[in-house]
PDB file of all heavy atoms in Angstrom:
ATOM      1  N   ILE A   1      19.893   7.224  11.273  1.00  0.00           N
ATOM      2  CA  ILE A   1      20.128   8.564  11.790  1.00  0.00           C
ATOM      3  C   ILE A   1      19.888   8.624  13.300  1.00  0.00           C
ATOM      4  O   ILE A   1      20.531   9.377  14.008  1.00  0.00           O
ATOM      5  CB  ILE A   1      19.251   9.587  11.035  1.00  0.00           C
ATOM      6  CG1 ILE A   1      19.644   9.602   9.548  1.00  0.00           C
ATOM      7  CG2 ILE A   1      19.373  10.977  11.653  1.00  0.00           C
ATOM      8  CD1 ILE A   1      18.767  10.458   8.666  1.00  0.00           C
ATOM      9  N   PHE A   2      18.974   7.838  13.816  1.00  0.00           N
ATOM     10  CA  PHE A   2      18.622   7.836  15.234  1.00  0.00           C
ATOM     11  C   PHE A   2      18.234   9.233  15.707  1.00  0.00           C
ATOM     12  O   PHE A   2      18.719   9.727  16.725  1.00  0.00           O
ATOM     13  CB  PHE A   2      19.737   7.242  16.100  1.00  0.00           C
ATOM     14  CG  PHE A   2      19.900   5.768  15.915  1.00  0.00           C
ATOM     15  CD1 PHE A   2      21.012   5.261  15.273  1.00  0.00           C
ATOM     16  CD2 PHE A   2      18.930   4.896  16.376  1.00  0.00           C
ATOM     17  CE1 PHE A   2      21.161   3.892  15.091  1.00  0.00           C
ATOM     18  CE2 PHE A   2      19.073   3.521  16.193  1.00  0.00           C
ATOM     19  CZ  PHE A   2      20.181   3.026  15.560  1.00  0.00           C
ATOM     20  N   GLY A   3      17.380   9.858  14.937  1.00  0.00           N
ATOM     21  CA  GLY A   3      16.855  11.171  15.296  1.00  0.00           C
ATOM     22  C   GLY A   3      15.518  11.360  14.613  1.00  0.00           C
ATOM     23  O   GLY A   3      15.068  10.515  13.837  1.00  0.00           O
ATOM     24  N   PRO A   4      14.876  12.483  14.858  1.00  0.00           N
ATOM     25  CA  PRO A   4      13.530  12.726  14.322  1.00  0.00           C
ATOM     26  C   PRO A   4      13.545  13.143  12.852  1.00  0.00           C
ATOM     27  O   PRO A   4      13.144  14.250  12.495  1.00  0.00           O
ATOM     28  CB  PRO A   4      12.999  13.838  15.223  1.00  0.00           C
ATOM     29  CG  PRO A   4      14.229  14.622  15.579  1.00  0.00           C
ATOM     30  CD  PRO A   4      15.323  13.589  15.721  1.00  0.00           C
ATOM     31  N   VAL A   5      14.047  12.258  11.996  1.00  0.00           N
ATOM     32  CA  VAL A   5      14.167  12.546  10.572  1.00  0.00           C
ATOM     33  C   VAL A   5      13.453  11.449   9.790  1.00  0.00           C
ATOM     34  O   VAL A   5      13.775  10.269   9.928  1.00  0.00           O
ATOM     35  CB  VAL A   5      15.643  12.636  10.135  1.00  0.00           C
ATOM     36  CG1 VAL A   5      15.747  12.926   8.641  1.00  0.00           C
ATOM     37  CG2 VAL A   5      16.370  13.701  10.945  1.00  0.00           C
ATOM     38  N   GLN A   6      12.490  11.838   8.983  1.00  0.00           N
ATOM     39  CA  GLN A   6      11.710  10.904   8.169  1.00  0.00           C
ATOM     40  C   GLN A   6      12.035  11.130   6.698  1.00  0.00           C
ATOM     41  O   GLN A   6      11.942  12.255   6.210  1.00  0.00           O
ATOM     42  CB  GLN A   6      10.211  11.130   8.396  1.00  0.00           C
ATOM     43  CG  GLN A   6       9.320  10.292   7.516  1.00  0.00           C
ATOM     44  CD  GLN A   6       9.422   8.821   7.853  1.00  0.00           C
ATOM     45  OE1 GLN A   6       9.223   8.435   8.985  1.00  0.00           O
ATOM     46  NE2 GLN A   6       9.741   8.004   6.877  1.00  0.00           N
ATOM     47  N   SER A   7      12.419  10.059   6.024  1.00  0.00           N
ATOM     48  CA  SER A   7      12.671  10.124   4.589  1.00  0.00           C
ATOM     49  C   SER A   7      11.530   9.435   3.863  1.00  0.00           C
ATOM     50  O   SER A   7      11.216   8.285   4.158  1.00  0.00           O
ATOM     51  CB  SER A   7      13.989   9.422   4.245  1.00  0.00           C
ATOM     52  OG  SER A   7      15.063  10.079   4.859  1.00  0.00           O
ATOM     53  N   ILE A   8      10.932  10.117   2.910  1.00  0.00           N
ATOM     54  CA  ILE A   8       9.821   9.556   2.145  1.00  0.00           C
ATOM     55  C   ILE A   8      10.337   9.141   0.771  1.00  0.00           C
ATOM     56  O   ILE A   8      10.876   9.957   0.025  1.00  0.00           O
ATOM     57  CB  ILE A   8       8.671  10.570   2.007  1.00  0.00           C
ATOM     58  CG1 ILE A   8       8.150  10.942   3.402  1.00  0.00           C
ATOM     59  CG2 ILE A   8       7.566  10.003   1.124  1.00  0.00           C
ATOM     60  CD1 ILE A   8       7.125  12.053   3.402  1.00  0.00           C
ATOM     61  N   LEU A   9      10.173   7.846   0.478  1.00  0.00           N
ATOM     62  CA  LEU A   9      10.571   7.297  -0.818  1.00  0.00           C
ATOM     63  C   LEU A   9       9.334   6.714  -1.482  1.00  0.00           C
ATOM     64  O   LEU A   9       8.534   6.044  -0.823  1.00  0.00           O
ATOM     65  CB  LEU A   9      11.623   6.197  -0.640  1.00  0.00           C
ATOM     66  CG  LEU A   9      12.986   6.644  -0.118  1.00  0.00           C
ATOM     67  CD1 LEU A   9      13.038   6.641   1.371  1.00  0.00           C
ATOM     68  CD2 LEU A   9      14.059   5.777  -0.702  1.00  0.00           C
ATOM     69  N   LYS A  10       9.180   6.940  -2.769  1.00  0.00           N
ATOM     70  CA  LYS A  10       8.036   6.403  -3.506  1.00  0.00           C
ATOM     71  C   LYS A  10       8.299   4.961  -3.916  1.00  0.00           C
ATOM     72  O   LYS A  10       9.433   4.559  -4.118  1.00  0.00           O
ATOM     73  CB  LYS A  10       7.773   7.254  -4.746  1.00  0.00           C
ATOM     74  CG  LYS A  10       7.341   8.663  -4.426  1.00  0.00           C
ATOM     75  CD  LYS A  10       7.112   9.455  -5.695  1.00  0.00           C
ATOM     76  CE  LYS A  10       6.711  10.880  -5.354  1.00  0.00           C
ATOM     77  NZ  LYS A  10       6.471  11.679  -6.557  1.00  0.00           N
ATOM     78  N   PHE A  11       7.210   4.190  -4.057  1.00  0.00           N
ATOM     79  CA  PHE A  11       7.324   2.809  -4.514  1.00  0.00           C
ATOM     80  C   PHE A  11       6.077   2.456  -5.307  1.00  0.00           C
ATOM     81  O   PHE A  11       5.050   3.105  -5.197  1.00  0.00           O
ATOM     82  CB  PHE A  11       7.502   1.846  -3.331  1.00  0.00           C
ATOM     83  CG  PHE A  11       6.310   1.785  -2.418  1.00  0.00           C
ATOM     84  CD1 PHE A  11       5.316   0.846  -2.615  1.00  0.00           C
ATOM     85  CD2 PHE A  11       6.185   2.669  -1.358  1.00  0.00           C
ATOM     86  CE1 PHE A  11       4.216   0.790  -1.782  1.00  0.00           C
ATOM     87  CE2 PHE A  11       5.098   2.617  -0.518  1.00  0.00           C
ATOM     88  CZ  PHE A  11       4.111   1.671  -0.721  1.00  0.00           C
ATOM     89  N   LYS A  12       6.197   1.370  -6.104  1.00  0.00           N
ATOM     90  CA  LYS A  12       5.064   0.916  -6.904  1.00  0.00           C
ATOM     91  C   LYS A  12       4.515  -0.421  -6.437  1.00  0.00           C
ATOM     92  O   LYS A  12       3.322  -0.650  -6.501  1.00  0.00           O
ATOM     93  CB  LYS A  12       5.457   0.840  -8.382  1.00  0.00           C
ATOM     94  CG  LYS A  12       5.738   2.213  -8.960  1.00  0.00           C
ATOM     95  CD  LYS A  12       6.002   2.150 -10.449  1.00  0.00           C
ATOM     96  CE  LYS A  12       6.366   3.546 -10.878  1.00  0.00           C
ATOM     97  NZ  LYS A  12       6.284   3.942 -12.157  1.00  0.00           N
ATOM     98  N   THR A  13       5.388  -1.329  -5.989  1.00  0.00           N
ATOM     99  CA  THR A  13       4.926  -2.662  -5.604  1.00  0.00           C
ATOM    100  C   THR A  13       5.450  -3.032  -4.222  1.00  0.00           C
ATOM    101  O   THR A  13       6.465  -2.489  -3.751  1.00  0.00           O
ATOM    102  CB  THR A  13       5.398  -3.737  -6.604  1.00  0.00           C
ATOM    103  OG1 THR A  13       6.822  -3.858  -6.492  1.00  0.00           O
ATOM    104  CG2 THR A  13       4.993  -3.404  -8.028  1.00  0.00           C
ATOM    105  N   LEU A  14       4.781  -3.977  -3.599  1.00  0.00           N
ATOM    106  CA  LEU A  14       5.215  -4.471  -2.292  1.00  0.00           C
ATOM    107  C   LEU A  14       6.571  -5.156  -2.400  1.00  0.00           C
ATOM    108  O   LEU A  14       7.426  -4.986  -1.525  1.00  0.00           O
ATOM    109  CB  LEU A  14       4.168  -5.432  -1.719  1.00  0.00           C
ATOM    110  CG  LEU A  14       4.389  -5.870  -0.280  1.00  0.00           C
ATOM    111  CD1 LEU A  14       4.378  -4.691   0.666  1.00  0.00           C
ATOM    112  CD2 LEU A  14       3.322  -6.882   0.126  1.00  0.00           C
ATOM    113  N   ASP A  15       6.803  -5.893  -3.471  1.00  0.00           N
ATOM    114  CA  ASP A  15       8.102  -6.545  -3.659  1.00  0.00           C
ATOM    115  C   ASP A  15       9.230  -5.522  -3.757  1.00  0.00           C
ATOM    116  O   ASP A  15      10.336  -5.751  -3.255  1.00  0.00           O
ATOM    117  CB  ASP A  15       8.091  -7.437  -4.906  1.00  0.00           C
ATOM    118  CG  ASP A  15       7.275  -8.702  -4.688  1.00  0.00           C
ATOM    119  OD1 ASP A  15       7.211  -9.177  -3.540  1.00  0.00           O
ATOM    120  OD2 ASP A  15       6.707  -9.213  -5.673  1.00  0.00           O
ATOM    121  N   GLU A  16       8.956  -4.379  -4.380  1.00  0.00           N
ATOM    122  CA  GLU A  16       9.951  -3.304  -4.459  1.00  0.00           C
ATOM    123  C   GLU A  16      10.261  -2.767  -3.063  1.00  0.00           C
ATOM    124  O   GLU A  16      11.435  -2.540  -2.725  1.00  0.00           O
ATOM    125  CB  GLU A  16       9.433  -2.174  -5.352  1.00  0.00           C
ATOM    126  CG  GLU A  16      10.378  -1.001  -5.463  1.00  0.00           C
ATOM    127  CD  GLU A  16       9.788   0.173  -6.232  1.00  0.00           C
ATOM    128  OE1 GLU A  16       8.684   0.056  -6.804  1.00  0.00           O
ATOM    129  OE2 GLU A  16      10.442   1.227  -6.242  1.00  0.00           O
ATOM    130  N   VAL A  17       9.256  -2.603  -2.235  1.00  0.00           N
ATOM    131  CA  VAL A  17       9.461  -2.128  -0.864  1.00  0.00           C
ATOM    132  C   VAL A  17      10.339  -3.103  -0.088  1.00  0.00           C
ATOM    133  O   VAL A  17      11.296  -2.706   0.586  1.00  0.00           O
ATOM    134  CB  VAL A  17       8.108  -1.955  -0.139  1.00  0.00           C
ATOM    135  CG1 VAL A  17       8.308  -1.713   1.348  1.00  0.00           C
ATOM    136  CG2 VAL A  17       7.318  -0.823  -0.754  1.00  0.00           C
ATOM    137  N   ILE A  18      10.032  -4.378  -0.188  1.00  0.00           N
ATOM    138  CA  ILE A  18      10.787  -5.403   0.537  1.00  0.00           C
ATOM    139  C   ILE A  18      12.239  -5.436   0.068  1.00  0.00           C
ATOM    140  O   ILE A  18      13.161  -5.459   0.884  1.00  0.00           O
ATOM    141  CB  ILE A  18      10.106  -6.772   0.394  1.00  0.00           C
ATOM    142  CG1 ILE A  18       8.753  -6.751   1.123  1.00  0.00           C
ATOM    143  CG2 ILE A  18      10.999  -7.891   0.903  1.00  0.00           C
ATOM    144  CD1 ILE A  18       7.836  -7.900   0.783  1.00  0.00           C
ATOM    145  N   GLU A  19      12.446  -5.418  -1.228  1.00  0.00           N
ATOM    146  CA  GLU A  19      13.807  -5.440  -1.765  1.00  0.00           C
ATOM    147  C   GLU A  19      14.604  -4.231  -1.297  1.00  0.00           C
ATOM    148  O   GLU A  19      15.753  -4.347  -0.863  1.00  0.00           O
ATOM    149  CB  GLU A  19      13.772  -5.482  -3.296  1.00  0.00           C
ATOM    150  CG  GLU A  19      15.139  -5.527  -3.927  1.00  0.00           C
ATOM    151  CD  GLU A  19      15.099  -5.553  -5.449  1.00  0.00           C
ATOM    152  OE1 GLU A  19      14.050  -5.858  -6.029  1.00  0.00           O
ATOM    153  OE2 GLU A  19      16.150  -5.256  -6.049  1.00  0.00           O
ATOM    154  N   ARG A  20      13.993  -3.059  -1.348  1.00  0.00           N
ATOM    155  CA  ARG A  20      14.684  -1.839  -0.929  1.00  0.00           C
ATOM    156  C   ARG A  20      14.947  -1.835   0.566  1.00  0.00           C
ATOM    157  O   ARG A  20      16.017  -1.422   1.015  1.00  0.00           O
ATOM    158  CB  ARG A  20      13.866  -0.621  -1.324  1.00  0.00           C
ATOM    159  CG  ARG A  20      13.852  -0.412  -2.824  1.00  0.00           C
ATOM    160  CD  ARG A  20      12.796   0.542  -3.242  1.00  0.00           C
ATOM    161  NE  ARG A  20      13.226   1.916  -3.037  1.00  0.00           N
ATOM    162  CZ  ARG A  20      12.416   2.948  -3.231  1.00  0.00           C
ATOM    163  NH1 ARG A  20      11.173   2.758  -3.604  1.00  0.00           N
ATOM    164  NH2 ARG A  20      12.861   4.163  -3.053  1.00  0.00           N
ATOM    165  N   ALA A  21      13.993  -2.286   1.337  1.00  0.00           N
ATOM    166  CA  ALA A  21      14.171  -2.315   2.794  1.00  0.00           C
ATOM    167  C   ALA A  21      15.276  -3.285   3.196  1.00  0.00           C
ATOM    168  O   ALA A  21      16.021  -3.031   4.144  1.00  0.00           O
ATOM    169  CB  ALA A  21      12.859  -2.698   3.471  1.00  0.00           C
ATOM    170  N   ASN A  22      15.394  -4.385   2.489  1.00  0.00           N
ATOM    171  CA  ASN A  22      16.409  -5.389   2.811  1.00  0.00           C
ATOM    172  C   ASN A  22      17.785  -5.063   2.231  1.00  0.00           C
ATOM    173  O   ASN A  22      18.771  -5.680   2.604  1.00  0.00           O
ATOM    174  CB  ASN A  22      15.960  -6.771   2.326  1.00  0.00           C
ATOM    175  CG  ASN A  22      14.804  -7.302   3.131  1.00  0.00           C
ATOM    176  OD1 ASN A  22      14.541  -6.864   4.249  1.00  0.00           O
ATOM    177  ND2 ASN A  22      14.085  -8.253   2.565  1.00  0.00           N
ATOM    178  N   ASN A  23      17.851  -4.097   1.342  1.00  0.00           N
ATOM    179  CA  ASN A  23      19.108  -3.727   0.692  1.00  0.00           C
ATOM    180  C   ASN A  23      19.892  -2.740   1.570  1.00  0.00           C
ATOM    181  O   ASN A  23      20.188  -1.619   1.177  1.00  0.00           O
ATOM    182  CB  ASN A  23      18.847  -3.122  -0.694  1.00  0.00           C
ATOM    183  CG  ASN A  23      20.127  -2.908  -1.461  1.00  0.00           C
ATOM    184  OD1 ASN A  23      21.136  -3.550  -1.190  1.00  0.00           O
ATOM    185  ND2 ASN A  23      20.100  -1.985  -2.404  1.00  0.00           N
ATOM    186  N   THR A  24      20.183  -3.186   2.778  1.00  0.00           N
ATOM    187  CA  THR A  24      20.907  -2.365   3.731  1.00  0.00           C
ATOM    188  C   THR A  24      21.699  -3.277   4.655  1.00  0.00           C
ATOM    189  O   THR A  24      21.398  -4.470   4.753  1.00  0.00           O
ATOM    190  CB  THR A  24      19.945  -1.476   4.551  1.00  0.00           C
ATOM    191  OG1 THR A  24      20.683  -0.748   5.522  1.00  0.00           O
ATOM    192  CG2 THR A  24      18.889  -2.310   5.245  1.00  0.00           C
ATOM    193  N   THR A  25      22.688  -2.715   5.310  1.00  0.00           N
ATOM    194  CA  THR A  25      23.449  -3.502   6.278  1.00  0.00           C
ATOM    195  C   THR A  25      22.776  -3.510   7.639  1.00  0.00           C
ATOM    196  O   THR A  25      23.271  -4.124   8.572  1.00  0.00           O
ATOM    197  CB  THR A  25      24.880  -2.947   6.422  1.00  0.00           C
ATOM    198  OG1 THR A  25      24.808  -1.582   6.839  1.00  0.00           O
ATOM    199  CG2 THR A  25      25.640  -3.076   5.127  1.00  0.00           C
ATOM    200  N   TYR A  26      21.647  -2.825   7.767  1.00  0.00           N
ATOM    201  CA  TYR A  26      20.942  -2.735   9.046  1.00  0.00           C
ATOM    202  C   TYR A  26      19.644  -3.533   9.008  1.00  0.00           C
ATOM    203  O   TYR A  26      19.135  -3.852   7.945  1.00  0.00           O
ATOM    204  CB  TYR A  26      20.637  -1.278   9.383  1.00  0.00           C
ATOM    205  CG  TYR A  26      21.873  -0.414   9.385  1.00  0.00           C
ATOM    206  CD1 TYR A  26      22.096   0.528   8.390  1.00  0.00           C
ATOM    207  CD2 TYR A  26      22.825  -0.558  10.382  1.00  0.00           C
ATOM    208  CE1 TYR A  26      23.230   1.322   8.397  1.00  0.00           C
ATOM    209  CE2 TYR A  26      23.967   0.223  10.400  1.00  0.00           C
ATOM    210  CZ  TYR A  26      24.161   1.160   9.409  1.00  0.00           C
ATOM    211  OH  TYR A  26      25.290   1.926   9.412  1.00  0.00           O
ATOM    212  N   GLY A  27      19.095  -3.808  10.172  1.00  0.00           N
ATOM    213  CA  GLY A  27      17.835  -4.542  10.235  1.00  0.00           C
ATOM    214  C   GLY A  27      17.271  -4.592  11.639  1.00  0.00           C
ATOM    215  O   GLY A  27      16.877  -5.648  12.117  1.00  0.00           O
ATOM    216  N   LEU A  28      17.245  -3.457  12.322  1.00  0.00           N
ATOM    217  CA  LEU A  28      16.738  -3.451  13.692  1.00  0.00           C
ATOM    218  C   LEU A  28      15.223  -3.620  13.714  1.00  0.00           C
ATOM    219  O   LEU A  28      14.705  -4.526  14.355  1.00  0.00           O
ATOM    220  CB  LEU A  28      17.123  -2.161  14.415  1.00  0.00           C
ATOM    221  CG  LEU A  28      16.684  -2.072  15.871  1.00  0.00           C
ATOM    222  CD1 LEU A  28      17.259  -3.208  16.702  1.00  0.00           C
ATOM    223  CD2 LEU A  28      17.084  -0.723  16.470  1.00  0.00           C
ATOM    224  N   ALA A  29      14.521  -2.762  13.013  1.00  0.00           N
ATOM    225  CA  ALA A  29      13.057  -2.803  13.082  1.00  0.00           C
ATOM    226  C   ALA A  29      12.444  -2.261  11.798  1.00  0.00           C
ATOM    227  O   ALA A  29      13.084  -1.524  11.053  1.00  0.00           O
ATOM    228  CB  ALA A  29      12.570  -1.987  14.276  1.00  0.00           C
ATOM    229  N   ALA A  30      11.197  -2.647  11.573  1.00  0.00           N
ATOM    230  CA  ALA A  30      10.448  -2.171  10.415  1.00  0.00           C
ATOM    231  C   ALA A  30       9.004  -1.993  10.841  1.00  0.00           C
ATOM    232  O   ALA A  30       8.524  -2.672  11.745  1.00  0.00           O
ATOM    233  CB  ALA A  30      10.545  -3.171   9.269  1.00  0.00           C
ATOM    234  N   GLY A  31       8.322  -1.102  10.179  1.00  0.00           N
ATOM    235  CA  GLY A  31       6.911  -0.886  10.476  1.00  0.00           C
ATOM    236  C   GLY A  31       6.145  -0.575   9.212  1.00  0.00           C
ATOM    237  O   GLY A  31       6.686   0.024   8.278  1.00  0.00           O
ATOM    238  N   ALA A  32       4.897  -1.011   9.186  1.00  0.00           N
ATOM    239  CA  ALA A  32       4.048  -0.748   8.029  1.00  0.00           C
ATOM    240  C   ALA A  32       2.608  -0.610   8.496  1.00  0.00           C
ATOM    241  O   ALA A  32       2.216  -1.175   9.517  1.00  0.00           O
ATOM    242  CB  ALA A  32       4.159  -1.877   7.010  1.00  0.00           C
ATOM    243  N   PHE A  33       1.853   0.129   7.742  1.00  0.00           N
ATOM    244  CA  PHE A  33       0.431   0.298   8.015  1.00  0.00           C
ATOM    245  C   PHE A  33      -0.339  -0.208   6.807  1.00  0.00           C
ATOM    246  O   PHE A  33      -0.088   0.213   5.687  1.00  0.00           O
ATOM    247  CB  PHE A  33       0.112   1.772   8.290  1.00  0.00           C
ATOM    248  CG  PHE A  33       0.684   2.246   9.592  1.00  0.00           C
ATOM    249  CD1 PHE A  33       2.006   2.661   9.678  1.00  0.00           C
ATOM    250  CD2 PHE A  33      -0.084   2.238  10.737  1.00  0.00           C
ATOM    251  CE1 PHE A  33       2.550   3.077  10.880  1.00  0.00           C
ATOM    252  CE2 PHE A  33       0.433   2.656  11.948  1.00  0.00           C
ATOM    253  CZ  PHE A  33       1.755   3.076  12.024  1.00  0.00           C
ATOM    254  N   THR A  34      -1.245  -1.138   7.054  1.00  0.00           N
ATOM    255  CA  THR A  34      -2.033  -1.721   5.970  1.00  0.00           C
ATOM    256  C   THR A  34      -3.322  -2.318   6.526  1.00  0.00           C
ATOM    257  O   THR A  34      -3.373  -2.733   7.678  1.00  0.00           O
ATOM    258  CB  THR A  34      -1.230  -2.802   5.218  1.00  0.00           C
ATOM    259  OG1 THR A  34      -2.032  -3.323   4.161  1.00  0.00           O
ATOM    260  CG2 THR A  34      -0.818  -3.940   6.132  1.00  0.00           C
ATOM    261  N   LYS A  35      -4.338  -2.374   5.697  1.00  0.00           N
ATOM    262  CA  LYS A  35      -5.582  -3.065   6.046  1.00  0.00           C
ATOM    263  C   LYS A  35      -5.600  -4.467   5.447  1.00  0.00           C
ATOM    264  O   LYS A  35      -6.490  -5.245   5.720  1.00  0.00           O
ATOM    265  CB  LYS A  35      -6.779  -2.267   5.532  1.00  0.00           C
ATOM    266  CG  LYS A  35      -6.967  -0.948   6.242  1.00  0.00           C
ATOM    267  CD  LYS A  35      -8.161  -0.197   5.690  1.00  0.00           C
ATOM    268  CE  LYS A  35      -8.295   1.145   6.384  1.00  0.00           C
ATOM    269  NZ  LYS A  35      -9.421   1.916   5.874  1.00  0.00           N
ATOM    270  N   ASP A  36      -4.599  -4.768   4.619  1.00  0.00           N
ATOM    271  CA  ASP A  36      -4.531  -6.033   3.902  1.00  0.00           C
ATOM    272  C   ASP A  36      -3.718  -7.051   4.702  1.00  0.00           C
ATOM    273  O   ASP A  36      -2.496  -6.940   4.817  1.00  0.00           O
ATOM    274  CB  ASP A  36      -3.897  -5.791   2.527  1.00  0.00           C
ATOM    275  CG  ASP A  36      -3.918  -7.004   1.628  1.00  0.00           C
ATOM    276  OD1 ASP A  36      -3.817  -8.138   2.128  1.00  0.00           O
ATOM    277  OD2 ASP A  36      -4.000  -6.803   0.402  1.00  0.00           O
ATOM    278  N   VAL A  37      -4.379  -8.049   5.253  1.00  0.00           N
ATOM    279  CA  VAL A  37      -3.718  -9.056   6.085  1.00  0.00           C
ATOM    280  C   VAL A  37      -2.657  -9.811   5.288  1.00  0.00           C
ATOM    281  O   VAL A  37      -1.582 -10.118   5.815  1.00  0.00           O
ATOM    282  CB  VAL A  37      -4.748 -10.039   6.682  1.00  0.00           C
ATOM    283  CG1 VAL A  37      -4.076 -11.197   7.379  1.00  0.00           C
ATOM    284  CG2 VAL A  37      -5.671  -9.307   7.629  1.00  0.00           C
TER     285      VAL A  37
END
């Protein structure tokens, strides 16, 4: 969108997040917040 729009999607596992994030034709940047190295 390239605008101030945040979409919140629920997830259960880290593998699900990775699969969903990679299931796109785009890949400019990604960000995550975690305490788990």
